[in-house]
PDB file of N, CA and C in Angstrom:
ATOM      1  N   MET A   1      -5.044   2.878 -30.866  1.00  0.00           N
ATOM      2  CA  MET A   1      -6.133   2.781 -29.935  1.00  0.00           C
ATOM      3  C   MET A   1      -7.087   1.696 -30.437  1.00  0.00           C
ATOM      4  N   ILE A   2      -7.549   0.875 -29.535  1.00  0.00           N
ATOM      5  CA  ILE A   2      -8.501  -0.182 -29.874  1.00  0.00           C
ATOM      6  C   ILE A   2      -9.909   0.378 -29.687  1.00  0.00           C
ATOM      7  N   PRO A   3     -10.760   0.258 -30.700  1.00  0.00           N
ATOM      8  CA  PRO A   3     -12.118   0.805 -30.597  1.00  0.00           C
ATOM      9  C   PRO A   3     -12.882   0.247 -29.394  1.00  0.00           C
ATOM     10  N   ALA A   4     -13.744   1.071 -28.803  1.00  0.00           N
ATOM     11  CA  ALA A   4     -14.503   0.706 -27.603  1.00  0.00           C
ATOM     12  C   ALA A   4     -15.332  -0.558 -27.819  1.00  0.00           C
ATOM     13  N   GLU A   5     -15.942  -0.704 -28.983  1.00  0.00           N
ATOM     14  CA  GLU A   5     -16.769  -1.890 -29.257  1.00  0.00           C
ATOM     15  C   GLU A   5     -15.940  -3.175 -29.160  1.00  0.00           C
ATOM     16  N   ILE A   6     -14.724  -3.148 -29.681  1.00  0.00           N
ATOM     17  CA  ILE A   6     -13.828  -4.312 -29.628  1.00  0.00           C
ATOM     18  C   ILE A   6     -13.385  -4.561 -28.184  1.00  0.00           C
ATOM     19  N   ARG A   7     -13.013  -3.472 -27.481  1.00  0.00           N
ATOM     20  CA  ARG A   7     -12.576  -3.623 -26.075  1.00  0.00           C
ATOM     21  C   ARG A   7     -13.667  -4.252 -25.236  1.00  0.00           C
ATOM     22  N   GLU A   8     -14.904  -3.800 -25.420  1.00  0.00           N
ATOM     23  CA  GLU A   8     -16.016  -4.341 -24.628  1.00  0.00           C
ATOM     24  C   GLU A   8     -16.305  -5.789 -24.990  1.00  0.00           C
ATOM     25  N   ARG A   9     -16.344  -6.094 -26.274  1.00  0.00           N
ATOM     26  CA  ARG A   9     -16.667  -7.453 -26.727  1.00  0.00           C
ATOM     27  C   ARG A   9     -15.652  -8.482 -26.202  1.00  0.00           C
ATOM     28  N   TYR A  10     -14.376  -8.098 -26.188  1.00  0.00           N
ATOM     29  CA  TYR A  10     -13.325  -9.036 -25.782  1.00  0.00           C
ATOM     30  C   TYR A  10     -12.777  -8.764 -24.391  1.00  0.00           C
ATOM     31  N   GLN A  11     -13.470  -7.925 -23.643  1.00  0.00           N
ATOM     32  CA  GLN A  11     -13.123  -7.616 -22.252  1.00  0.00           C
ATOM     33  C   GLN A  11     -11.666  -7.178 -22.112  1.00  0.00           C
ATOM     34  N   LEU A  12     -11.271  -6.243 -22.948  1.00  0.00           N
ATOM     35  CA  LEU A  12      -9.916  -5.697 -22.893  1.00  0.00           C
ATOM     36  C   LEU A  12      -9.936  -4.486 -21.970  1.00  0.00           C
ATOM     37  N   THR A  13      -9.518  -4.686 -20.751  1.00  0.00           N
ATOM     38  CA  THR A  13      -9.505  -3.620 -19.758  1.00  0.00           C
ATOM     39  C   THR A  13      -8.105  -3.020 -19.672  1.00  0.00           C
ATOM     40  N   PRO A  14      -7.966  -1.821 -19.094  1.00  0.00           N
ATOM     41  CA  PRO A  14      -6.633  -1.231 -18.945  1.00  0.00           C
ATOM     42  C   PRO A  14      -5.701  -2.198 -18.212  1.00  0.00           C
ATOM     43  N   GLY A  15      -4.517  -2.375 -18.747  1.00  0.00           N
ATOM     44  CA  GLY A  15      -3.530  -3.274 -18.148  1.00  0.00           C
ATOM     45  C   GLY A  15      -3.519  -4.659 -18.769  1.00  0.00           C
ATOM     46  N   THR A  16      -4.535  -4.994 -19.592  1.00  0.00           N
ATOM     47  CA  THR A  16      -4.554  -6.294 -20.248  1.00  0.00           C
ATOM     48  C   THR A  16      -3.350  -6.385 -21.186  1.00  0.00           C
ATOM     49  N   GLN A  17      -2.604  -7.480 -21.091  1.00  0.00           N
ATOM     50  CA  GLN A  17      -1.429  -7.659 -21.933  1.00  0.00           C
ATOM     51  C   GLN A  17      -1.833  -8.364 -23.223  1.00  0.00           C
ATOM     52  N   VAL A  18      -1.413  -7.791 -24.344  1.00  0.00           N
ATOM     53  CA  VAL A  18      -1.749  -8.356 -25.646  1.00  0.00           C
ATOM     54  C   VAL A  18      -0.474  -8.537 -26.463  1.00  0.00           C
ATOM     55  N   GLU A  19      -0.588  -9.364 -27.485  1.00  0.00           N
ATOM     56  CA  GLU A  19       0.520  -9.584 -28.403  1.00  0.00           C
ATOM     57  C   GLU A  19      -0.019  -9.407 -29.819  1.00  0.00           C
ATOM     58  N   PHE A  20       0.740  -8.750 -30.655  1.00  0.00           N
ATOM     59  CA  PHE A  20       0.379  -8.594 -32.058  1.00  0.00           C
ATOM     60  C   PHE A  20       1.156  -9.638 -32.846  1.00  0.00           C
ATOM     61  N   VAL A  21       0.437 -10.498 -33.570  1.00  0.00           N
ATOM     62  CA  VAL A  21       1.055 -11.572 -34.332  1.00  0.00           C
ATOM     63  C   VAL A  21       0.958 -11.220 -35.815  1.00  0.00           C
ATOM     64  N   ASN A  22       2.114 -11.155 -36.482  1.00  0.00           N
ATOM     65  CA  ASN A  22       2.163 -10.849 -37.907  1.00  0.00           C
ATOM     66  C   ASN A  22       1.842 -12.117 -38.681  1.00  0.00           C
ATOM     67  N   GLU A  23       0.773 -12.067 -39.461  1.00  0.00           N
ATOM     68  CA  GLU A  23       0.363 -13.218 -40.266  1.00  0.00           C
ATOM     69  C   GLU A  23       0.400 -12.857 -41.753  1.00  0.00           C
ATOM     70  N   GLY A  24       1.505 -12.330 -42.188  1.00  0.00           N
ATOM     71  CA  GLY A  24       1.664 -11.960 -43.591  1.00  0.00           C
ATOM     72  C   GLY A  24       0.985 -10.657 -43.918  1.00  0.00           C
ATOM     73  N   ASP A  25      -0.210 -10.729 -44.489  1.00  0.00           N
ATOM     74  CA  ASP A  25      -0.915  -9.512 -44.868  1.00  0.00           C
ATOM     75  C   ASP A  25      -1.941  -9.084 -43.817  1.00  0.00           C
ATOM     76  N   ALA A  26      -1.914  -9.715 -42.642  1.00  0.00           N
ATOM     77  CA  ALA A  26      -2.843  -9.372 -41.560  1.00  0.00           C
ATOM     78  C   ALA A  26      -2.103  -9.427 -40.217  1.00  0.00           C
ATOM     79  N   ILE A  27      -2.681  -8.778 -39.242  1.00  0.00           N
ATOM     80  CA  ILE A  27      -2.141  -8.813 -37.879  1.00  0.00           C
ATOM     81  C   ILE A  27      -3.230  -9.349 -36.970  1.00  0.00           C
ATOM     82  N   ARG A  28      -2.871 -10.309 -36.128  1.00  0.00           N
ATOM     83  CA  ARG A  28      -3.822 -10.893 -35.181  1.00  0.00           C
ATOM     84  C   ARG A  28      -3.447 -10.416 -33.787  1.00  0.00           C
ATOM     85  N   LEU A  29      -4.452 -10.022 -33.013  1.00  0.00           N
ATOM     86  CA  LEU A  29      -4.258  -9.565 -31.633  1.00  0.00           C
ATOM     87  C   LEU A  29      -4.588 -10.732 -30.707  1.00  0.00           C
ATOM     88  N   VAL A  30      -3.616 -11.129 -29.871  1.00  0.00           N
ATOM     89  CA  VAL A  30      -3.798 -12.251 -28.961  1.00  0.00           C
ATOM     90  C   VAL A  30      -3.716 -11.735 -27.526  1.00  0.00           C
ATOM     91  N   VAL A  31      -4.718 -12.062 -26.713  1.00  0.00           N
ATOM     92  CA  VAL A  31      -4.707 -11.664 -25.305  1.00  0.00           C
ATOM     93  C   VAL A  31      -3.779 -12.614 -24.554  1.00  0.00           C
ATOM     94  N   ARG A  32      -2.767 -12.069 -23.900  1.00  0.00           N
ATOM     95  CA  ARG A  32      -1.806 -12.870 -23.131  1.00  0.00           C
ATOM     96  C   ARG A  32      -2.168 -12.930 -21.651  1.00  0.00           C
ATOM     97  N   ARG A  33      -2.684 -11.835 -21.113  1.00  0.00           N
ATOM     98  CA  ARG A  33      -3.019 -11.800 -19.687  1.00  0.00           C
ATOM     99  C   ARG A  33      -4.112 -10.770 -19.471  1.00  0.00           C
ATOM    100  N   ARG A  34      -5.220 -11.213 -18.912  1.00  0.00           N
ATOM    101  CA  ARG A  34      -6.324 -10.298 -18.611  1.00  0.00           C
ATOM    102  C   ARG A  34      -6.129  -9.696 -17.224  1.00  0.00           C
ATOM    103  N   VAL A  35      -6.560  -8.474 -17.079  1.00  0.00           N
ATOM    104  CA  VAL A  35      -6.511  -7.790 -15.794  1.00  0.00           C
ATOM    105  C   VAL A  35      -7.934  -7.374 -15.457  1.00  0.00           C
ATOM    106  N   ALA A  36      -8.418  -7.837 -14.320  1.00  0.00           N
ATOM    107  CA  ALA A  36      -9.783  -7.488 -13.909  1.00  0.00           C
ATOM    108  C   ALA A  36      -9.855  -6.007 -13.578  1.00  0.00           C
ATOM    109  N   PRO A  37     -10.947  -5.341 -13.969  1.00  0.00           N
ATOM    110  CA  PRO A  37     -11.092  -3.932 -13.608  1.00  0.00           C
ATOM    111  C   PRO A  37     -11.133  -3.778 -12.090  1.00  0.00           C
ATOM    112  N   SER A  38     -10.587  -2.696 -11.614  1.00  0.00           N
ATOM    113  CA  SER A  38     -10.559  -2.489 -10.166  1.00  0.00           C
ATOM    114  C   SER A  38     -11.273  -1.199  -9.803  1.00  0.00           C
ATOM    115  N   ASP A  39     -11.702  -1.145  -8.563  1.00  0.00           N
ATOM    116  CA  ASP A  39     -12.363   0.030  -8.033  1.00  0.00           C
ATOM    117  C   ASP A  39     -11.449   0.618  -6.969  1.00  0.00           C
ATOM    118  N   PRO A  40     -10.786   1.756  -7.245  1.00  0.00           N
ATOM    119  CA  PRO A  40      -9.863   2.326  -6.269  1.00  0.00           C
ATOM    120  C   PRO A  40     -10.502   2.547  -4.900  1.00  0.00           C
ATOM    121  N   ALA A  41     -11.791   2.861  -4.868  1.00  0.00           N
ATOM    122  CA  ALA A  41     -12.463   3.110  -3.588  1.00  0.00           C
ATOM    123  C   ALA A  41     -12.524   1.842  -2.741  1.00  0.00           C
ATOM    124  N   ALA A  42     -12.440   0.664  -3.373  1.00  0.00           N
ATOM    125  CA  ALA A  42     -12.501  -0.593  -2.627  1.00  0.00           C
ATOM    126  C   ALA A  42     -11.288  -0.759  -1.702  1.00  0.00           C
ATOM    127  N   GLY A  43     -10.191  -0.066  -2.012  1.00  0.00           N
ATOM    128  CA  GLY A  43      -8.992  -0.180  -1.184  1.00  0.00           C
ATOM    129  C   GLY A  43      -8.914   0.849  -0.067  1.00  0.00           C
ATOM    130  N   TYR A  44      -9.927   1.714   0.053  1.00  0.00           N
ATOM    131  CA  TYR A  44      -9.896   2.761   1.062  1.00  0.00           C
ATOM    132  C   TYR A  44      -9.765   2.146   2.453  1.00  0.00           C
ATOM    133  N   GLY A  45      -8.811   2.626   3.211  1.00  0.00           N
ATOM    134  CA  GLY A  45      -8.631   2.179   4.594  1.00  0.00           C
ATOM    135  C   GLY A  45      -7.765   0.944   4.750  1.00  0.00           C
ATOM    136  N   MET A  46      -7.272   0.365   3.645  1.00  0.00           N
ATOM    137  CA  MET A  46      -6.451  -0.845   3.745  1.00  0.00           C
ATOM    138  C   MET A  46      -5.091  -0.561   4.368  1.00  0.00           C
ATOM    139  N   ILE A  47      -4.561   0.624   4.118  1.00  0.00           N
ATOM    140  CA  ILE A  47      -3.245   0.971   4.641  1.00  0.00           C
ATOM    141  C   ILE A  47      -3.430   1.944   5.794  1.00  0.00           C
ATOM    142  N   LYS A  48      -2.915   1.563   6.927  1.00  0.00           N
ATOM    143  CA  LYS A  48      -2.991   2.424   8.104  1.00  0.00           C
ATOM    144  C   LYS A  48      -1.627   3.075   8.320  1.00  0.00           C
ATOM    145  N   VAL A  49      -1.635   4.374   8.489  1.00  0.00           N
ATOM    146  CA  VAL A  49      -0.406   5.120   8.705  1.00  0.00           C
ATOM    147  C   VAL A  49      -0.496   5.818  10.042  1.00  0.00           C
ATOM    148  N   ARG A  50       0.534   5.638  10.846  1.00  0.00           N
ATOM    149  CA  ARG A  50       0.553   6.332  12.133  1.00  0.00           C
ATOM    150  C   ARG A  50       0.788   7.821  11.898  1.00  0.00           C
ATOM    151  N   PRO A  51       0.115   8.661  12.657  1.00  0.00           N
ATOM    152  CA  PRO A  51       0.358  10.099  12.488  1.00  0.00           C
ATOM    153  C   PRO A  51       1.803  10.433  12.844  1.00  0.00           C
ATOM    154  N   THR A  52       2.364  11.383  12.113  1.00  0.00           N
ATOM    155  CA  THR A  52       3.722  11.806  12.430  1.00  0.00           C
ATOM    156  C   THR A  52       3.698  12.635  13.702  1.00  0.00           C
ATOM    157  N   ARG A  53       4.807  12.676  14.378  1.00  0.00           N
ATOM    158  CA  ARG A  53       4.899  13.417  15.627  1.00  0.00           C
ATOM    159  C   ARG A  53       4.517  14.878  15.442  1.00  0.00           C
ATOM    160  N   GLY A  54       3.610  15.341  16.262  1.00  0.00           N
ATOM    161  CA  GLY A  54       3.208  16.737  16.225  1.00  0.00           C
ATOM    162  C   GLY A  54       2.216  17.067  15.120  1.00  0.00           C
ATOM    163  N   HIS A  55       1.789  16.057  14.374  1.00  0.00           N
ATOM    164  CA  HIS A  55       0.852  16.288  13.265  1.00  0.00           C
ATOM    165  C   HIS A  55      -0.519  15.790  13.689  1.00  0.00           C
ATOM    166  N   LYS A  56      -1.386  16.692  14.106  1.00  0.00           N
ATOM    167  CA  LYS A  56      -2.702  16.324  14.638  1.00  0.00           C
ATOM    168  C   LYS A  56      -3.799  16.332  13.578  1.00  0.00           C
ATOM    169  N   ALA A  57      -3.670  17.190  12.562  1.00  0.00           N
ATOM    170  CA  ALA A  57      -4.725  17.320  11.546  1.00  0.00           C
ATOM    171  C   ALA A  57      -4.708  16.121  10.600  1.00  0.00           C
ATOM    172  N   PRO A  58      -5.854  15.774  10.020  1.00  0.00           N
ATOM    173  CA  PRO A  58      -5.883  14.683   9.041  1.00  0.00           C
ATOM    174  C   PRO A  58      -5.016  15.022   7.831  1.00  0.00           C
ATOM    175  N   ARG A  59      -4.409  14.013   7.260  1.00  0.00           N
ATOM    176  CA  ARG A  59      -3.583  14.231   6.077  1.00  0.00           C
ATOM    177  C   ARG A  59      -4.480  14.417   4.863  1.00  0.00           C
ATOM    178  N   ARG A  60      -4.028  15.239   3.966  1.00  0.00           N
ATOM    179  CA  ARG A  60      -4.756  15.523   2.739  1.00  0.00           C
ATOM    180  C   ARG A  60      -3.869  15.199   1.537  1.00  0.00           C
ATOM    181  N   LEU A  61      -4.466  14.743   0.455  1.00  0.00           N
ATOM    182  CA  LEU A  61      -3.715  14.420  -0.755  1.00  0.00           C
ATOM    183  C   LEU A  61      -2.927  15.630  -1.243  1.00  0.00           C
ATOM    184  N   SER A  62      -3.486  16.808  -1.103  1.00  0.00           N
ATOM    185  CA  SER A  62      -2.808  18.018  -1.580  1.00  0.00           C
ATOM    186  C   SER A  62      -1.442  18.196  -0.909  1.00  0.00           C
ATOM    187  N   LEU A  63      -1.299  17.746   0.346  1.00  0.00           N
ATOM    188  CA  LEU A  63       0.004  17.835   1.023  1.00  0.00           C
ATOM    189  C   LEU A  63       1.040  16.967   0.310  1.00  0.00           C
ATOM    190  N   PHE A  64       0.648  15.759  -0.081  1.00  0.00           N
ATOM    191  CA  PHE A  64       1.574  14.848  -0.738  1.00  0.00           C
ATOM    192  C   PHE A  64       1.915  15.331  -2.145  1.00  0.00           C
ATOM    193  N   VAL A  65       0.923  15.904  -2.848  1.00  0.00           N
ATOM    194  CA  VAL A  65       1.165  16.443  -4.184  1.00  0.00           C
ATOM    195  C   VAL A  65       2.168  17.584  -4.085  1.00  0.00           C
ATOM    196  N   ASP A  66       1.995  18.454  -3.097  1.00  0.00           N
ATOM    197  CA  ASP A  66       2.907  19.576  -2.920  1.00  0.00           C
ATOM    198  C   ASP A  66       4.312  19.081  -2.583  1.00  0.00           C
ATOM    199  N   LEU A  67       4.418  18.089  -1.706  1.00  0.00           N
ATOM    200  CA  LEU A  67       5.730  17.534  -1.361  1.00  0.00           C
ATOM    201  C   LEU A  67       6.398  16.909  -2.586  1.00  0.00           C
ATOM    202  N   HIS A  68       5.611  16.206  -3.396  1.00  0.00           N
ATOM    203  CA  HIS A  68       6.143  15.588  -4.615  1.00  0.00           C
ATOM    204  C   HIS A  68       6.669  16.663  -5.565  1.00  0.00           C
ATOM    205  N   ARG A  69       5.883  17.729  -5.761  1.00  0.00           N
ATOM    206  CA  ARG A  69       6.291  18.815  -6.651  1.00  0.00           C
ATOM    207  C   ARG A  69       7.583  19.462  -6.168  1.00  0.00           C
ATOM    208  N   ARG A  70       7.643  19.722  -4.857  1.00  0.00           N
ATOM    209  CA  ARG A  70       8.856  20.346  -4.312  1.00  0.00           C
ATOM    210  C   ARG A  70      10.050  19.416  -4.435  1.00  0.00           C
ATOM    211  N   GLY A  71       9.829  18.112  -4.267  1.00  0.00           N
ATOM    212  CA  GLY A  71      10.910  17.133  -4.420  1.00  0.00           C
ATOM    213  C   GLY A  71      11.440  17.111  -5.840  1.00  0.00           C
ATOM    214  N   LEU A  72      10.540  17.199  -6.826  1.00  0.00           N
ATOM    215  CA  LEU A  72      10.965  17.248  -8.226  1.00  0.00           C
ATOM    216  C   LEU A  72      11.778  18.506  -8.509  1.00  0.00           C
ATOM    217  N   GLU A  73      11.307  19.631  -7.992  1.00  0.00           N
ATOM    218  CA  GLU A  73      12.026  20.887  -8.198  1.00  0.00           C
ATOM    219  C   GLU A  73      13.417  20.812  -7.577  1.00  0.00           C
ATOM    220  N   PHE A  74      13.525  20.223  -6.386  1.00  0.00           N
ATOM    221  CA  PHE A  74      14.814  20.080  -5.712  1.00  0.00           C
ATOM    222  C   PHE A  74      15.740  19.183  -6.539  1.00  0.00           C
ATOM    223  N   ALA A  75      15.206  18.068  -7.038  1.00  0.00           N
ATOM    224  CA  ALA A  75      16.013  17.140  -7.833  1.00  0.00           C
ATOM    225  C   ALA A  75      16.517  17.818  -9.101  1.00  0.00           C
ATOM    226  N   MET A  76      15.668  18.639  -9.723  1.00  0.00           N
ATOM    227  CA  MET A  76      16.079  19.339 -10.936  1.00  0.00           C
ATOM    228  C   MET A  76      17.211  20.324 -10.639  1.00  0.00           C
ATOM    229  N   ARG A  77      17.101  21.026  -9.519  1.00  0.00           N
ATOM    230  CA  ARG A  77      18.164  21.971  -9.148  1.00  0.00           C
ATOM    231  C   ARG A  77      19.470  21.231  -8.873  1.00  0.00           C
ATOM    232  N   CYS A  78      19.378  20.098  -8.190  1.00  0.00           N
ATOM    233  CA  CYS A  78      20.582  19.342  -7.827  1.00  0.00           C
ATOM    234  C   CYS A  78      21.282  18.750  -9.043  1.00  0.00           C
ATOM    235  N   THR A  79      20.526  18.399 -10.056  1.00  0.00           N
ATOM    236  CA  THR A  79      21.117  17.776 -11.237  1.00  0.00           C
ATOM    237  C   THR A  79      21.434  18.776 -12.331  1.00  0.00           C
ATOM    238  N   GLY A  80      21.067  20.046 -12.123  1.00  0.00           N
ATOM    239  CA  GLY A  80      21.366  21.080 -13.093  1.00  0.00           C
ATOM    240  C   GLY A  80      20.395  21.145 -14.254  1.00  0.00           C
ATOM    241  N   HIS A  81      19.286  20.399 -14.194  1.00  0.00           N
ATOM    242  CA  HIS A  81      18.283  20.442 -15.254  1.00  0.00           C
ATOM    243  C   HIS A  81      17.372  21.644 -15.054  1.00  0.00           C
ATOM    244  N   ALA A  82      16.796  22.126 -16.140  1.00  0.00           N
ATOM    245  CA  ALA A  82      15.849  23.239 -16.062  1.00  0.00           C
ATOM    246  C   ALA A  82      14.605  22.794 -15.326  1.00  0.00           C
ATOM    247  N   ALA A  83      13.984  23.694 -14.601  1.00  0.00           N
ATOM    248  CA  ALA A  83      12.761  23.376 -13.869  1.00  0.00           C
ATOM    249  C   ALA A  83      11.653  23.006 -14.840  1.00  0.00           C
ATOM    250  N   VAL A  84      10.841  22.060 -14.427  1.00  0.00           N
ATOM    251  CA  VAL A  84       9.705  21.612 -15.239  1.00  0.00           C
ATOM    252  C   VAL A  84       8.437  22.133 -14.614  1.00  0.00           C
ATOM    253  N   ALA A  85       7.523  22.625 -15.412  1.00  0.00           N
ATOM    254  CA  ALA A  85       6.241  23.127 -14.891  1.00  0.00           C
ATOM    255  C   ALA A  85       5.490  21.986 -14.242  1.00  0.00           C
ATOM    256  N   ALA A  86       4.844  22.258 -13.127  1.00  0.00           N
ATOM    257  CA  ALA A  86       4.071  21.237 -12.412  1.00  0.00           C
ATOM    258  C   ALA A  86       2.965  20.733 -13.312  1.00  0.00           C
ATOM    259  N   SER A  87       2.903  19.398 -13.475  1.00  0.00           N
ATOM    260  CA  SER A  87       1.882  18.827 -14.351  1.00  0.00           C
ATOM    261  C   SER A  87       0.752  18.202 -13.557  1.00  0.00           C
ATOM    262  N   GLY A  88       0.847  18.201 -12.247  1.00  0.00           N
ATOM    263  CA  GLY A  88      -0.193  17.601 -11.423  1.00  0.00           C
ATOM    264  C   GLY A  88      -0.001  16.118 -11.229  1.00  0.00           C
ATOM    265  N   SER A  89       1.107  15.574 -11.730  1.00  0.00           N
ATOM    266  CA  SER A  89       1.346  14.140 -11.525  1.00  0.00           C
ATOM    267  C   SER A  89       2.603  13.921 -10.746  1.00  0.00           C
TER     268      SER A  89
END
């Protein structure tokens, strides 16, 4: 983990690509590609989805999470793997 003071000073945001260079008795960290911080709320409304047939109520994230969980459980049954406890991801 890179300390917060170093991350802030060198603008190392999540997703920034770095390289560790071995210099004998020291290691140098080189920034290869910076990634600007993003605000997920800024993308709200960018993707428009047509309502599915017969589905009048607004869609909720919980519906997609439940579908994802059920899909994982189905895949585990089909492949013969033991069921995995829902982790929320």
